[in-house]
Protein backbone atom coordinates (compact mmCIF):
# COMPACT_ATOMS: atom_id res chain seq x y z
CA UNK A 1 139.65 7.84 262.87
CA UNK A 2 141.89 7.34 265.89
CA UNK A 3 140.43 8.47 269.22
CA UNK A 4 143.21 7.26 271.49
CA UNK A 5 144.68 9.58 274.10
CA UNK A 6 147.80 10.20 272.01
CA UNK A 7 145.58 11.99 269.47
CA UNK A 8 144.57 14.67 271.98
CA UNK A 9 146.87 17.38 270.64
CA UNK A 10 145.99 16.41 267.04
CA UNK A 11 142.21 16.11 267.37
CA UNK A 12 141.46 19.57 265.93
CA UNK A 13 143.66 18.79 262.92
CA UNK A 14 142.00 15.39 262.49
CA UNK A 15 138.53 16.95 262.50
CA UNK A 16 139.53 19.78 260.16
CA UNK A 17 141.41 17.65 257.63
CA UNK A 18 138.68 15.01 257.52
CA UNK A 19 136.03 17.70 257.02
CA UNK A 20 138.11 19.25 254.22
CA UNK A 21 138.51 15.83 252.61
CA UNK A 22 134.73 15.25 252.58
CA UNK A 23 134.02 18.76 251.29
CA UNK A 24 136.59 18.33 248.48
CA UNK A 25 135.02 15.04 247.44
CA UNK A 26 131.65 16.77 247.25
CA UNK A 27 133.07 19.69 245.28
CA UNK A 28 134.87 17.45 242.77
CA UNK A 29 131.88 15.17 242.11
CA UNK A 30 128.96 16.00 239.81
CA UNK A 31 125.69 16.40 241.79
CA UNK A 32 124.23 13.15 240.44
CA UNK A 33 127.27 11.16 241.66
CA UNK A 34 127.90 11.26 245.37
CA UNK A 35 130.23 9.03 247.31
CA UNK A 36 128.92 6.76 250.04
CA UNK A 37 131.01 7.64 253.11
CA UNK A 38 130.92 6.27 256.65
CA UNK A 39 132.80 7.20 259.78
CA UNK A 40 134.44 4.71 262.14
CA UNK A 41 136.10 5.63 265.40
CA UNK A 42 138.63 3.51 267.22
CA UNK A 43 140.83 3.38 270.26
CA UNK A 44 140.81 0.04 272.10
CA UNK A 45 137.55 -0.77 270.28
CA UNK A 46 136.26 0.16 266.84
CA UNK A 47 132.70 1.32 266.29
CA UNK A 48 130.52 2.94 263.64
CA UNK A 49 130.13 6.66 264.36
CA UNK A 50 128.04 7.28 261.22
CA UNK A 51 126.98 4.43 258.94
CA UNK A 52 127.81 4.87 255.25
CA UNK A 53 125.65 7.65 253.86
CA UNK A 54 125.26 9.97 250.88
CA UNK A 55 124.29 12.76 253.31
CA UNK A 56 127.74 14.15 254.00
CA UNK A 57 126.47 16.96 256.25
CA UNK A 58 125.70 14.26 258.82
CA UNK A 59 129.37 13.20 258.77
CA UNK A 60 130.59 16.76 259.19
CA UNK A 61 128.22 17.31 262.13
CA UNK A 62 129.45 14.09 263.76
CA UNK A 63 133.07 15.19 263.31
CA UNK A 64 132.35 18.34 265.34
CA UNK A 65 131.53 16.08 268.32
CA UNK A 66 134.35 13.60 267.70
CA UNK A 67 136.96 13.54 270.47
CA UNK A 68 139.48 11.34 272.28
CA UNK A 69 138.22 8.61 274.60
CA UNK A 70 137.73 9.78 278.17
CA UNK A 71 138.00 6.48 280.05
CA UNK A 72 141.07 4.38 280.85
CA UNK A 73 139.15 1.24 279.81
CA UNK A 74 138.81 2.60 276.28
CA UNK A 75 142.43 3.64 275.91
CA UNK A 76 144.58 2.01 273.23
CA UNK A 77 144.94 1.95 269.44
CA UNK A 78 143.45 -1.18 267.91
CA UNK A 79 144.18 -0.33 264.29
CA UNK A 80 143.84 -3.94 263.13
CA UNK A 81 140.36 -4.27 264.65
CA UNK A 82 139.30 -0.98 263.05
CA UNK A 83 140.46 -2.18 259.63
CA UNK A 84 138.82 -5.59 260.18
CA UNK A 85 135.48 -4.07 261.16
CA UNK A 86 135.55 -1.52 258.35
CA UNK A 87 136.43 -4.12 255.72
CA UNK A 88 133.50 -6.27 256.85
CA UNK A 89 131.16 -3.29 256.54
CA UNK A 90 132.46 -2.72 253.00
CA UNK A 91 131.94 -6.42 252.14
CA UNK A 92 128.36 -6.18 253.40
CA UNK A 93 127.75 -3.12 251.22
CA UNK A 94 129.27 -4.84 248.20
CA UNK A 95 126.89 -7.77 248.65
CA UNK A 96 123.94 -5.39 249.11
CA UNK A 97 124.90 -3.44 245.98
CA UNK A 98 124.85 -6.65 243.92
CA UNK A 99 121.25 -7.34 245.00
CA UNK A 100 119.96 -3.78 245.16
CA UNK A 101 119.63 -1.23 242.38
CA UNK A 102 119.36 1.65 244.87
CA UNK A 103 123.09 2.33 244.65
CA UNK A 104 126.17 1.25 242.76
CA UNK A 105 129.43 0.39 244.50
CA UNK A 106 132.13 0.64 241.83
CA UNK A 107 135.07 0.80 244.21
CA UNK A 108 135.89 1.21 247.88
CA UNK A 109 138.65 2.59 250.05
CA UNK A 110 139.59 2.89 253.70
CA UNK A 111 141.13 6.14 254.85
CA UNK A 112 142.96 5.53 258.14
CA UNK A 113 143.76 8.64 260.21
CA UNK A 114 146.09 8.11 263.16
CA UNK A 115 149.32 9.36 264.64
């Protein structure tokens, strides 16, 4: 999710639409099958806001606090770095899923929200 200054006027929409997306995934899935979802934020830098989790309430709580960067040093929109970092996290999870029976990773996707 983009946190750059240009997102300021769109931040409420970003939070609301992302929350609705997560809630719809939960509603459309049977209780025994939940999606593993994480939350990355980015402006000049990309970072993990919430690591991938089955506990989607944690994501929704984090979204309530999610806002644009406040410092000039953090300003920018490094979309490529956000995709790079997220794809590496997915690769790590794919490797873990091969070795671990705790969860199954059938497929993966990156949802990029920016202006």
